[in-house]
PDB file of N, CA and C in Angstrom:
ATOM      1  N   ALA A   1     119.130 118.321  91.103  1.00  0.00           N
ATOM      2  CA  ALA A   1     117.804 117.497  90.631  1.00  0.00           C
ATOM      3  C   ALA A   1     117.477 117.965  89.129  1.00  0.00           C
ATOM      4  N   SER A   2     117.411 117.061  88.312  1.00  0.00           N
ATOM      5  CA  SER A   2     116.753 117.058  86.796  1.00  0.00           C
ATOM      6  C   SER A   2     115.522 117.130  86.433  1.00  0.00           C
ATOM      7  N   GLY A   3     114.708 118.168  86.256  1.00  0.00           N
ATOM      8  CA  GLY A   3     113.293 118.154  86.013  1.00  0.00           C
ATOM      9  C   GLY A   3     112.416 118.283  86.975  1.00  0.00           C
ATOM     10  N   THR A   4     111.779 119.558  86.970  1.00  0.00           N
ATOM     11  CA  THR A   4     111.131 120.124  88.136  1.00  0.00           C
ATOM     12  C   THR A   4     109.663 120.085  87.105  1.00  0.00           C
ATOM     13  N   GLN A   5     108.734 119.492  87.987  1.00  0.00           N
ATOM     14  CA  GLN A   5     107.188 119.492  87.494  1.00  0.00           C
ATOM     15  C   GLN A   5     106.205 119.546  88.705  1.00  0.00           C
ATOM     16  N   ASP A   6     105.478 120.606  88.528  1.00  0.00           N
ATOM     17  CA  ASP A   6     104.605 120.701  89.754  1.00  0.00           C
ATOM     18  C   ASP A   6     103.374 120.027  89.191  1.00  0.00           C
ATOM     19  N   ILE A   7     102.560 119.275  90.242  1.00  0.00           N
ATOM     20  CA  ILE A   7     101.455 118.423  90.201  1.00  0.00           C
ATOM     21  C   ILE A   7     100.278 119.399  90.663  1.00  0.00           C
ATOM     22  N   GLU A   8      99.047 119.505  89.727  1.00  0.00           N
ATOM     23  CA  GLU A   8      98.136 120.530  90.174  1.00  0.00           C
ATOM     24  C   GLU A   8      96.682 119.735  90.078  1.00  0.00           C
ATOM     25  N   ASN A   9      96.733 118.589  89.294  1.00  0.00           N
ATOM     26  CA  ASN A   9      95.612 117.742  89.011  1.00  0.00           C
ATOM     27  C   ASN A   9      95.399 116.543  90.008  1.00  0.00           C
ATOM     28  N   PHE A  10      95.958 116.749  91.223  1.00  0.00           N
ATOM     29  CA  PHE A  10      95.684 115.641  92.130  1.00  0.00           C
ATOM     30  C   PHE A  10      94.624 115.770  93.194  1.00  0.00           C
ATOM     31  N   ARG A  11      93.649 114.862  92.982  1.00  0.00           N
ATOM     32  CA  ARG A  11      92.470 115.106  94.049  1.00  0.00           C
ATOM     33  C   ARG A  11      92.031 113.906  94.822  1.00  0.00           C
ATOM     34  N   ILE A  12      92.123 114.087  96.414  1.00  0.00           N
ATOM     35  CA  ILE A  12      91.847 113.063  97.051  1.00  0.00           C
ATOM     36  C   ILE A  12      90.519 112.473  96.597  1.00  0.00           C
ATOM     37  N   GLY A  13      90.708 111.079  96.769  1.00  0.00           N
ATOM     38  CA  GLY A  13      89.848 110.279  96.289  1.00  0.00           C
ATOM     39  C   GLY A  13      89.730 109.711  94.862  1.00  0.00           C
ATOM     40  N   GLU A  14      90.836 110.378  94.071  1.00  0.00           N
ATOM     41  CA  GLU A  14      91.068 109.841  92.783  1.00  0.00           C
ATOM     42  C   GLU A  14      92.196 108.996  92.572  1.00  0.00           C
ATOM     43  N   ALA A  15      92.190 108.097  91.784  1.00  0.00           N
ATOM     44  CA  ALA A  15      93.247 107.430  91.209  1.00  0.00           C
ATOM     45  C   ALA A  15      94.354 108.651  90.819  1.00  0.00           C
ATOM     46  N   PHE A  16      95.337 108.344  90.582  1.00  0.00           N
ATOM     47  CA  PHE A  16      96.433 109.515  89.760  1.00  0.00           C
ATOM     48  C   PHE A  16      97.252 108.608  89.069  1.00  0.00           C
ATOM     49  N   SER A  17      97.650 109.321  87.826  1.00  0.00           N
ATOM     50  CA  SER A  17      98.654 108.622  86.979  1.00  0.00           C
ATOM     51  C   SER A  17      99.244 109.746  86.173  1.00  0.00           C
ATOM     52  N   LEU A  18     100.690 109.672  86.049  1.00  0.00           N
ATOM     53  CA  LEU A  18     101.285 110.902  85.282  1.00  0.00           C
ATOM     54  C   LEU A  18     102.611 110.246  84.534  1.00  0.00           C
ATOM     55  N   ASN A  19     102.398 110.071  83.316  1.00  0.00           N
ATOM     56  CA  ASN A  19     103.689 109.816  82.457  1.00  0.00           C
ATOM     57  C   ASN A  19     104.676 110.566  82.489  1.00  0.00           C
ATOM     58  N   VAL A  20     105.965 110.376  82.804  1.00  0.00           N
ATOM     59  CA  VAL A  20     106.990 111.421  82.823  1.00  0.00           C
ATOM     60  C   VAL A  20     108.416 110.913  82.123  1.00  0.00           C
ATOM     61  N   SER A  21     109.136 111.843  81.606  1.00  0.00           N
ATOM     62  CA  SER A  21     110.362 111.351  80.907  1.00  0.00           C
ATOM     63  C   SER A  21     111.752 111.775  81.743  1.00  0.00           C
ATOM     64  N   ILE A  22     112.427 110.959  82.367  1.00  0.00           N
ATOM     65  CA  ILE A  22     113.306 111.038  83.145  1.00  0.00           C
ATOM     66  C   ILE A  22     114.655 111.496  82.401  1.00  0.00           C
ATOM     67  N   THR A  23     115.170 112.477  82.577  1.00  0.00           N
ATOM     68  CA  THR A  23     116.601 113.221  81.966  1.00  0.00           C
ATOM     69  C   THR A  23     117.458 113.465  82.922  1.00  0.00           C
ATOM     70  N   ASN A  24     118.652 113.585  82.453  1.00  0.00           N
ATOM     71  CA  ASN A  24     119.911 113.942  83.097  1.00  0.00           C
ATOM     72  C   ASN A  24     120.045 115.509  83.139  1.00  0.00           C
ATOM     73  N   ASP A  25     120.928 116.115  83.873  1.00  0.00           N
ATOM     74  CA  ASP A  25     120.876 117.614  83.713  1.00  0.00           C
ATOM     75  C   ASP A  25     121.209 118.188  82.435  1.00  0.00           C
ATOM     76  N   ASP A  26     121.657 117.386  81.498  1.00  0.00           N
ATOM     77  CA  ASP A  26     121.934 117.728  80.092  1.00  0.00           C
ATOM     78  C   ASP A  26     120.946 117.948  79.322  1.00  0.00           C
ATOM     79  N   GLY A  27     119.881 117.120  79.935  1.00  0.00           N
ATOM     80  CA  GLY A  27     118.690 117.032  79.063  1.00  0.00           C
ATOM     81  C   GLY A  27     118.537 115.556  78.377  1.00  0.00           C
ATOM     82  N   SER A  28     119.698 114.974  78.260  1.00  0.00           N
ATOM     83  CA  SER A  28     119.474 113.537  77.712  1.00  0.00           C
ATOM     84  C   SER A  28     118.653 112.537  78.702  1.00  0.00           C
ATOM     85  N   LEU A  29     118.173 111.406  77.689  1.00  0.00           N
ATOM     86  CA  LEU A  29     117.342 111.006  78.476  1.00  0.00           C
ATOM     87  C   LEU A  29     118.126 109.620  79.582  1.00  0.00           C
ATOM     88  N   VAL A  30     117.604 109.304  80.534  1.00  0.00           N
ATOM     89  CA  VAL A  30     118.079 108.293  81.500  1.00  0.00           C
ATOM     90  C   VAL A  30     117.478 106.827  81.012  1.00  0.00           C
ATOM     91  N   ASN A  31     118.605 105.888  80.765  1.00  0.00           N
ATOM     92  CA  ASN A  31     118.384 104.653  80.380  1.00  0.00           C
ATOM     93  C   ASN A  31     117.851 104.019  81.921  1.00  0.00           C
ATOM     94  N   LEU A  32     116.465 103.820  82.260  1.00  0.00           N
ATOM     95  CA  LEU A  32     115.804 103.176  83.387  1.00  0.00           C
ATOM     96  C   LEU A  32     116.615 101.932  83.494  1.00  0.00           C
ATOM     97  N   SER A  33     116.878 101.058  82.823  1.00  0.00           N
ATOM     98  CA  SER A  33     117.110  99.524  82.728  1.00  0.00           C
ATOM     99  C   SER A  33     117.531  99.109  84.145  1.00  0.00           C
ATOM    100  N   GLY A  34     117.086  98.101  84.893  1.00  0.00           N
ATOM    101  CA  GLY A  34     117.557  97.899  86.290  1.00  0.00           C
ATOM    102  C   GLY A  34     117.360  98.803  87.423  1.00  0.00           C
ATOM    103  N   TYR A  35     116.679 100.101  87.183  1.00  0.00           N
ATOM    104  CA  TYR A  35     116.553 100.910  88.278  1.00  0.00           C
ATOM    105  C   TYR A  35     115.197 100.936  88.610  1.00  0.00           C
ATOM    106  N   SER A  36     115.230 101.382  90.041  1.00  0.00           N
ATOM    107  CA  SER A  36     113.698 101.254  90.824  1.00  0.00           C
ATOM    108  C   SER A  36     113.796 102.714  91.336  1.00  0.00           C
ATOM    109  N   GLY A  37     112.708 103.303  91.913  1.00  0.00           N
ATOM    110  CA  GLY A  37     112.281 104.693  92.385  1.00  0.00           C
ATOM    111  C   GLY A  37     111.706 104.694  93.690  1.00  0.00           C
ATOM    112  N   TYR A  38     111.779 105.786  94.365  1.00  0.00           N
ATOM    113  CA  TYR A  38     111.039 106.221  95.621  1.00  0.00           C
ATOM    114  C   TYR A  38     110.831 107.359  95.510  1.00  0.00           C
ATOM    115  N   CYS A  39     109.479 107.810  95.508  1.00  0.00           N
ATOM    116  CA  CYS A  39     108.857 109.074  95.150  1.00  0.00           C
ATOM    117  C   CYS A  39     107.870 109.727  96.378  1.00  0.00           C
ATOM    118  N   PRO A  40     108.605 109.769  97.616  1.00  0.00           N
ATOM    119  CA  PRO A  40     107.386 110.649  99.001  1.00  0.00           C
ATOM    120  C   PRO A  40     106.738 111.766  98.532  1.00  0.00           C
ATOM    121  N   ILE A  41     105.588 112.061  99.022  1.00  0.00           N
ATOM    122  CA  ILE A  41     105.003 113.245  99.246  1.00  0.00           C
ATOM    123  C   ILE A  41     105.264 113.844 100.581  1.00  0.00           C
ATOM    124  N   LYS A  42     105.897 114.995 100.824  1.00  0.00           N
ATOM    125  CA  LYS A  42     106.263 115.488 102.002  1.00  0.00           C
ATOM    126  C   LYS A  42     105.719 116.837 101.962  1.00  0.00           C
ATOM    127  N   THR A  43     105.718 117.407 103.459  1.00  0.00           N
ATOM    128  CA  THR A  43     105.016 118.709 103.422  1.00  0.00           C
ATOM    129  C   THR A  43     106.320 120.007 102.904  1.00  0.00           C
ATOM    130  N   ASP A  44     107.855 119.289 103.202  1.00  0.00           N
ATOM    131  CA  ASP A  44     108.580 119.919 102.665  1.00  0.00           C
ATOM    132  C   ASP A  44     109.928 119.032 102.259  1.00  0.00           C
ATOM    133  N   LEU A  45     110.885 119.492 101.466  1.00  0.00           N
ATOM    134  CA  LEU A  45     111.934 118.668 101.046  1.00  0.00           C
ATOM    135  C   LEU A  45     112.946 117.913 102.340  1.00  0.00           C
ATOM    136  N   GLY A  46     112.927 118.706 103.502  1.00  0.00           N
ATOM    137  CA  GLY A  46     113.444 118.262 104.588  1.00  0.00           C
ATOM    138  C   GLY A  46     112.676 117.536 105.820  1.00  0.00           C
ATOM    139  N   ALA A  47     111.328 117.157 105.393  1.00  0.00           N
ATOM    140  CA  ALA A  47     110.712 116.574 106.308  1.00  0.00           C
ATOM    141  C   ALA A  47     111.320 114.914 106.385  1.00  0.00           C
ATOM    142  N   ILE A  48     111.053 114.256 107.623  1.00  0.00           N
ATOM    143  CA  ILE A  48     111.473 112.963 107.700  1.00  0.00           C
ATOM    144  C   ILE A  48     110.353 112.228 107.500  1.00  0.00           C
ATOM    145  N   VAL A  49     109.294 112.303 107.757  1.00  0.00           N
ATOM    146  CA  VAL A  49     107.968 111.546 107.649  1.00  0.00           C
ATOM    147  C   VAL A  49     107.451 111.856 106.320  1.00  0.00           C
ATOM    148  N   ALA A  50     106.983 110.893 105.772  1.00  0.00           N
ATOM    149  CA  ALA A  50     106.055 111.209 104.333  1.00  0.00           C
ATOM    150  C   ALA A  50     104.891 111.083 104.549  1.00  0.00           C
ATOM    151  N   LEU A  51     103.905 111.974 103.825  1.00  0.00           N
ATOM    152  CA  LEU A  51     102.546 111.956 103.744  1.00  0.00           C
ATOM    153  C   LEU A  51     101.926 110.611 103.051  1.00  0.00           C
ATOM    154  N   GLY A  52     102.657 110.396 101.951  1.00  0.00           N
ATOM    155  CA  GLY A  52     102.013 109.267 101.209  1.00  0.00           C
ATOM    156  C   GLY A  52     103.596 109.097 100.275  1.00  0.00           C
ATOM    157  N   GLU A  53     103.210 108.246  99.292  1.00  0.00           N
ATOM    158  CA  GLU A  53     104.207 107.974  98.285  1.00  0.00           C
ATOM    159  C   GLU A  53     103.373 107.730  96.797  1.00  0.00           C
ATOM    160  N   LEU A  54     104.197 108.276  95.853  1.00  0.00           N
ATOM    161  CA  LEU A  54     103.783 108.045  94.564  1.00  0.00           C
ATOM    162  C   LEU A  54     104.450 106.853  94.165  1.00  0.00           C
ATOM    163  N   VAL A  55     103.985 105.807  93.374  1.00  0.00           N
ATOM    164  CA  VAL A  55     104.688 104.725  92.960  1.00  0.00           C
ATOM    165  C   VAL A  55     105.083 104.855  91.466  1.00  0.00           C
ATOM    166  N   PHE A  56     106.398 104.837  91.439  1.00  0.00           N
ATOM    167  CA  PHE A  56     107.368 104.852  90.164  1.00  0.00           C
ATOM    168  C   PHE A  56     107.138 103.318  89.611  1.00  0.00           C
ATOM    169  N   SER A  57     106.895 103.586  88.407  1.00  0.00           N
ATOM    170  CA  SER A  57     106.935 102.436  87.329  1.00  0.00           C
ATOM    171  C   SER A  57     107.753 102.724  85.873  1.00  0.00           C
ATOM    172  N   VAL A  58     108.285 102.051  85.344  1.00  0.00           N
ATOM    173  CA  VAL A  58     109.248 102.310  84.507  1.00  0.00           C
ATOM    174  C   VAL A  58     108.355 101.816  83.187  1.00  0.00           C
ATOM    175  N   ILE A  59     108.133 102.588  82.076  1.00  0.00           N
ATOM    176  CA  ILE A  59     107.214 102.058  81.132  1.00  0.00           C
ATOM    177  C   ILE A  59     108.220 101.676  79.912  1.00  0.00           C
ATOM    178  N   VAL A  60     109.140 102.378  79.424  1.00  0.00           N
ATOM    179  CA  VAL A  60     110.258 102.426  78.753  1.00  0.00           C
ATOM    180  C   VAL A  60     111.624 102.697  79.034  1.00  0.00           C
ATOM    181  N   PRO A  61     111.899 101.573  79.417  1.00  0.00           N
ATOM    182  CA  PRO A  61     113.693 102.022  79.829  1.00  0.00           C
ATOM    183  C   PRO A  61     114.709 102.658  79.383  1.00  0.00           C
ATOM    184  N   VAL A  62     114.968 102.107  77.909  1.00  0.00           N
ATOM    185  CA  VAL A  62     115.874 102.907  77.178  1.00  0.00           C
ATOM    186  C   VAL A  62     115.684 104.324  76.989  1.00  0.00           C
ATOM    187  N   SER A  63     114.627 104.946  76.785  1.00  0.00           N
ATOM    188  CA  SER A  63     114.060 106.230  76.619  1.00  0.00           C
ATOM    189  C   SER A  63     113.830 106.539  77.918  1.00  0.00           C
ATOM    190  N   GLY A  64     114.027 106.289  78.744  1.00  0.00           N
ATOM    191  CA  GLY A  64     113.659 107.039  80.109  1.00  0.00           C
ATOM    192  C   GLY A  64     112.069 107.366  80.400  1.00  0.00           C
ATOM    193  N   GLN A  65     111.279 106.648  79.764  1.00  0.00           N
ATOM    194  CA  GLN A  65     109.625 106.786  80.131  1.00  0.00           C
ATOM    195  C   GLN A  65     109.256 105.992  81.338  1.00  0.00           C
ATOM    196  N   ALA A  66     108.755 106.784  82.283  1.00  0.00           N
ATOM    197  CA  ALA A  66     108.232 106.035  83.595  1.00  0.00           C
ATOM    198  C   ALA A  66     106.802 106.670  83.845  1.00  0.00           C
ATOM    199  N   ASN A  67     106.291 106.232  84.914  1.00  0.00           N
ATOM    200  CA  ASN A  67     104.883 106.738  85.277  1.00  0.00           C
ATOM    201  C   ASN A  67     105.063 107.002  86.672  1.00  0.00           C
ATOM    202  N   LEU A  68     104.061 107.927  87.520  1.00  0.00           N
ATOM    203  CA  LEU A  68     104.033 108.096  88.858  1.00  0.00           C
ATOM    204  C   LEU A  68     102.552 107.959  88.995  1.00  0.00           C
ATOM    205  N   SER A  69     102.069 107.108  90.029  1.00  0.00           N
ATOM    206  CA  SER A  69     100.875 106.975  89.981  1.00  0.00           C
ATOM    207  C   SER A  69     100.502 106.716  91.704  1.00  0.00           C
ATOM    208  N   MET A  70      99.303 106.847  92.020  1.00  0.00           N
ATOM    209  CA  MET A  70      98.624 106.354  93.211  1.00  0.00           C
ATOM    210  C   MET A  70      97.457 106.036  92.959  1.00  0.00           C
ATOM    211  N   THR A  71      96.969 105.160  93.790  1.00  0.00           N
ATOM    212  CA  THR A  71      95.643 104.667  93.705  1.00  0.00           C
ATOM    213  C   THR A  71      94.570 105.432  94.630  1.00  0.00           C
ATOM    214  N   LYS A  72      93.154 105.096  94.421  1.00  0.00           N
ATOM    215  CA  LYS A  72      92.354 105.958  94.989  1.00  0.00           C
ATOM    216  C   LYS A  72      92.253 105.886  96.608  1.00  0.00           C
ATOM    217  N   ALA A  73      92.661 104.445  96.827  1.00  0.00           N
ATOM    218  CA  ALA A  73      92.436 104.240  98.369  1.00  0.00           C
ATOM    219  C   ALA A  73      93.491 104.802  98.980  1.00  0.00           C
ATOM    220  N   ASN A  74      94.771 104.746  98.135  1.00  0.00           N
ATOM    221  CA  ASN A  74      95.817 105.589  98.610  1.00  0.00           C
ATOM    222  C   ASN A  74      95.687 107.078  99.051  1.00  0.00           C
ATOM    223  N   SER A  75      95.135 107.638  97.951  1.00  0.00           N
ATOM    224  CA  SER A  75      94.892 109.053  97.893  1.00  0.00           C
ATOM    225  C   SER A  75      93.828 109.517  99.076  1.00  0.00           C
ATOM    226  N   LEU A  76      93.084 108.486  99.680  1.00  0.00           N
ATOM    227  CA  LEU A  76      92.083 108.761 100.578  1.00  0.00           C
ATOM    228  C   LEU A  76      92.751 109.210 101.790  1.00  0.00           C
ATOM    229  N   LEU A  77      93.932 108.626 102.223  1.00  0.00           N
ATOM    230  CA  LEU A  77      95.015 108.598 102.989  1.00  0.00           C
ATOM    231  C   LEU A  77      95.372 110.346 103.489  1.00  0.00           C
ATOM    232  N   LEU A  78      95.599 110.902 102.249  1.00  0.00           N
ATOM    233  CA  LEU A  78      96.217 112.363 102.442  1.00  0.00           C
ATOM    234  C   LEU A  78      95.324 113.439 102.916  1.00  0.00           C
ATOM    235  N   PRO A  79      96.072 114.338 103.390  1.00  0.00           N
ATOM    236  CA  PRO A  79      95.501 115.627 103.740  1.00  0.00           C
ATOM    237  C   PRO A  79      95.383 116.523 102.846  1.00  0.00           C
ATOM    238  N   ALA A  80      94.366 117.631 102.889  1.00  0.00           N
ATOM    239  CA  ALA A  80      94.310 118.401 101.346  1.00  0.00           C
ATOM    240  C   ALA A  80      95.231 119.562 101.871  1.00  0.00           C
ATOM    241  N   THR A  81      96.460 119.705 101.192  1.00  0.00           N
ATOM    242  CA  THR A  81      97.570 120.833 101.492  1.00  0.00           C
ATOM    243  C   THR A  81      98.530 120.768 100.106  1.00  0.00           C
ATOM    244  N   GLU A  82      99.446 121.894 100.328  1.00  0.00           N
ATOM    245  CA  GLU A  82     100.203 121.588  99.299  1.00  0.00           C
ATOM    246  C   GLU A  82     101.526 121.401  99.866  1.00  0.00           C
ATOM    247  N   ALA A  83     102.155 120.399  99.217  1.00  0.00           N
ATOM    248  CA  ALA A  83     103.326 119.350  99.766  1.00  0.00           C
ATOM    249  C   ALA A  83     104.283 119.434  98.708  1.00  0.00           C
ATOM    250  N   VAL A  84     105.242 118.596  98.337  1.00  0.00           N
ATOM    251  CA  VAL A  84     106.401 118.327  97.599  1.00  0.00           C
ATOM    252  C   VAL A  84     106.492 116.702  97.330  1.00  0.00           C
ATOM    253  N   TYR A  85     106.925 116.640  96.177  1.00  0.00           N
ATOM    254  CA  TYR A  85     107.623 115.291  95.934  1.00  0.00           C
ATOM    255  C   TYR A  85     108.702 115.152  95.468  1.00  0.00           C
ATOM    256  N   GLN A  86     109.726 114.195  95.548  1.00  0.00           N
ATOM    257  CA  GLN A  86     110.976 114.206  94.928  1.00  0.00           C
ATOM    258  C   GLN A  86     111.175 112.434  94.525  1.00  0.00           C
ATOM    259  N   LEU A  87     111.287 112.388  93.305  1.00  0.00           N
ATOM    260  CA  LEU A  87     111.826 110.988  92.963  1.00  0.00           C
ATOM    261  C   LEU A  87     113.437 110.703  93.051  1.00  0.00           C
ATOM    262  N   GLU A  88     113.615 109.818  94.024  1.00  0.00           N
ATOM    263  CA  GLU A  88     115.146 109.340  93.914  1.00  0.00           C
ATOM    264  C   GLU A  88     114.966 107.912  92.993  1.00  0.00           C
ATOM    265  N   LEU A  89     116.039 107.807  92.284  1.00  0.00           N
ATOM    266  CA  LEU A  89     116.249 106.462  91.657  1.00  0.00           C
ATOM    267  C   LEU A  89     117.537 105.579  92.172  1.00  0.00           C
ATOM    268  N   TYR A  90     116.984 104.376  91.905  1.00  0.00           N
ATOM    269  CA  TYR A  90     117.975 103.469  92.757  1.00  0.00           C
ATOM    270  C   TYR A  90     118.502 102.475  91.667  1.00  0.00           C
ATOM    271  N   ASP A  91     120.027 102.207  91.706  1.00  0.00           N
ATOM    272  CA  ASP A  91     120.587 101.030  90.850  1.00  0.00           C
ATOM    273  C   ASP A  91     119.798  99.576  91.184  1.00  0.00           C
ATOM    274  N   SER A  92     120.327  98.365  90.674  1.00  0.00           N
ATOM    275  CA  SER A  92     119.747  97.285  90.964  1.00  0.00           C
ATOM    276  C   SER A  92     120.367  96.728  92.382  1.00  0.00           C
ATOM    277  N   GLY A  93     121.564  97.397  92.959  1.00  0.00           N
ATOM    278  CA  GLY A  93     122.037  97.168  94.107  1.00  0.00           C
ATOM    279  C   GLY A  93     121.310  98.048  95.215  1.00  0.00           C
ATOM    280  N   GLN A  94     120.154  98.714  95.040  1.00  0.00           N
ATOM    281  CA  GLN A  94     119.510  99.812  95.770  1.00  0.00           C
ATOM    282  C   GLN A  94     120.430 100.828  96.290  1.00  0.00           C
ATOM    283  N   ILE A  95     121.373 101.199  95.471  1.00  0.00           N
ATOM    284  CA  ILE A  95     122.121 102.449  95.881  1.00  0.00           C
ATOM    285  C   ILE A  95     121.623 103.669  95.235  1.00  0.00           C
ATOM    286  N   SER A  96     121.404 104.758  95.926  1.00  0.00           N
ATOM    287  CA  SER A  96     120.700 105.904  95.332  1.00  0.00           C
ATOM    288  C   SER A  96     121.719 106.433  94.396  1.00  0.00           C
ATOM    289  N   VAL A  97     121.219 106.979  93.264  1.00  0.00           N
ATOM    290  CA  VAL A  97     121.791 107.503  92.181  1.00  0.00           C
ATOM    291  C   VAL A  97     121.299 108.785  91.907  1.00  0.00           C
ATOM    292  N   GLY A  98     120.632 109.366  92.800  1.00  0.00           N
ATOM    293  CA  GLY A  98     120.516 110.774  92.615  1.00  0.00           C
ATOM    294  C   GLY A  98     118.720 111.131  92.411  1.00  0.00           C
ATOM    295  N   SER A  99     118.382 112.572  92.695  1.00  0.00           N
ATOM    296  CA  SER A  99     117.404 112.950  92.556  1.00  0.00           C
ATOM    297  C   SER A  99     116.984 113.333  91.136  1.00  0.00           C
ATOM    298  N   TYR A 100     116.006 112.676  90.590  1.00  0.00           N
ATOM    299  CA  TYR A 100     115.593 113.276  89.223  1.00  0.00           C
ATOM    300  C   TYR A 100     114.323 114.231  88.808  1.00  0.00           C
ATOM    301  N   ARG A 101     113.649 114.316  89.630  1.00  0.00           N
ATOM    302  CA  ARG A 101     112.476 114.813  89.255  1.00  0.00           C
ATOM    303  C   ARG A 101     111.823 115.300  90.511  1.00  0.00           C
ATOM    304  N   ARG A 102     111.686 116.750  90.677  1.00  0.00           N
ATOM    305  CA  ARG A 102     110.854 116.894  92.120  1.00  0.00           C
ATOM    306  C   ARG A 102     109.743 118.120  91.698  1.00  0.00           C
ATOM    307  N   GLY A 103     109.000 118.593  92.584  1.00  0.00           N
ATOM    308  CA  GLY A 103     108.216 119.756  92.433  1.00  0.00           C
ATOM    309  C   GLY A 103     106.992 119.668  93.511  1.00  0.00           C
ATOM    310  N   TYR A 104     106.220 120.949  93.285  1.00  0.00           N
ATOM    311  CA  TYR A 104     105.042 121.007  94.372  1.00  0.00           C
ATOM    312  C   TYR A 104     103.993 119.740  93.829  1.00  0.00           C
ATOM    313  N   ILE A 105     103.060 119.519  94.802  1.00  0.00           N
ATOM    314  CA  ILE A 105     102.041 118.734  94.768  1.00  0.00           C
ATOM    315  C   ILE A 105     100.843 119.468  95.155  1.00  0.00           C
ATOM    316  N   GLU A 106      99.932 119.720  94.885  1.00  0.00           N
ATOM    317  CA  GLU A 106      98.528 120.673  95.222  1.00  0.00           C
ATOM    318  C   GLU A 106      97.644 119.350  95.506  1.00  0.00           C
ATOM    319  N   ILE A 107      97.361 118.846  96.761  1.00  0.00           N
ATOM    320  CA  ILE A 107      96.508 117.927  97.012  1.00  0.00           C
ATOM    321  C   ILE A 107      95.157 118.490  97.449  1.00  0.00           C
ATOM    322  N   GLN A 108      94.188 118.529  96.291  1.00  0.00           N
ATOM    323  CA  GLN A 108      92.948 119.026  96.678  1.00  0.00           C
ATOM    324  C   GLN A 108      91.927 118.158  96.993  1.00  0.00           C
ATOM    325  N   PRO A 109      90.932 118.747  97.860  1.00  0.00           N
ATOM    326  CA  PRO A 109      89.740 117.888  98.426  1.00  0.00           C
ATOM    327  C   PRO A 109      88.812 117.714  97.320  1.00  0.00           C
ATOM    328  N   ASN A 110      88.203 116.819  97.791  1.00  0.00           N
ATOM    329  CA  ASN A 110      87.505 116.293  96.568  1.00  0.00           C
ATOM    330  C   ASN A 110      85.809 116.231  97.087  1.00  0.00           C
ATOM    331  N   TYR A 111      85.181 117.192  97.150  1.00  0.00           N
ATOM    332  CA  TYR A 111      83.725 117.345  97.591  1.00  0.00           C
ATOM    333  C   TYR A 111      82.698 116.521  97.142  1.00  0.00           C
ATOM    334  N   GLY A 112      83.241 115.756  96.075  1.00  0.00           N
ATOM    335  CA  GLY A 112      82.071 114.757  95.705  1.00  0.00           C
ATOM    336  C   GLY A 112      81.984 113.467  96.206  1.00  0.00           C
ATOM    337  N   LEU A 113      82.933 113.478  97.455  1.00  0.00           N
ATOM    338  CA  LEU A 113      83.038 112.258  98.022  1.00  0.00           C
ATOM    339  C   LEU A 113      81.799 111.701  98.814  1.00  0.00           C
TER     340      LEU A 113
END
């Protein structure tokens, strides 16, 4: 996997958005033209069932700029826990081209709800 980034500012009941640069192992930016992504949140990387999913959106394809997000409504469905996320990229034929970003995600309770 290229790119590890832990997410510590994720709070249940709040919309989440994080801009990311997707890079290859050598540090070069990935041209995201024609790519889609799947970014499940799981209790651990080997878990079969996801707790939820971060939405992957390409911002600037040629320079590897993308966004991971979740709506407030979807964040309300998550438990307060420490979990992991892993972004898998897929080409236009929906063939996996590999894991490009992963890390821990601390899903924090929101006591103001």
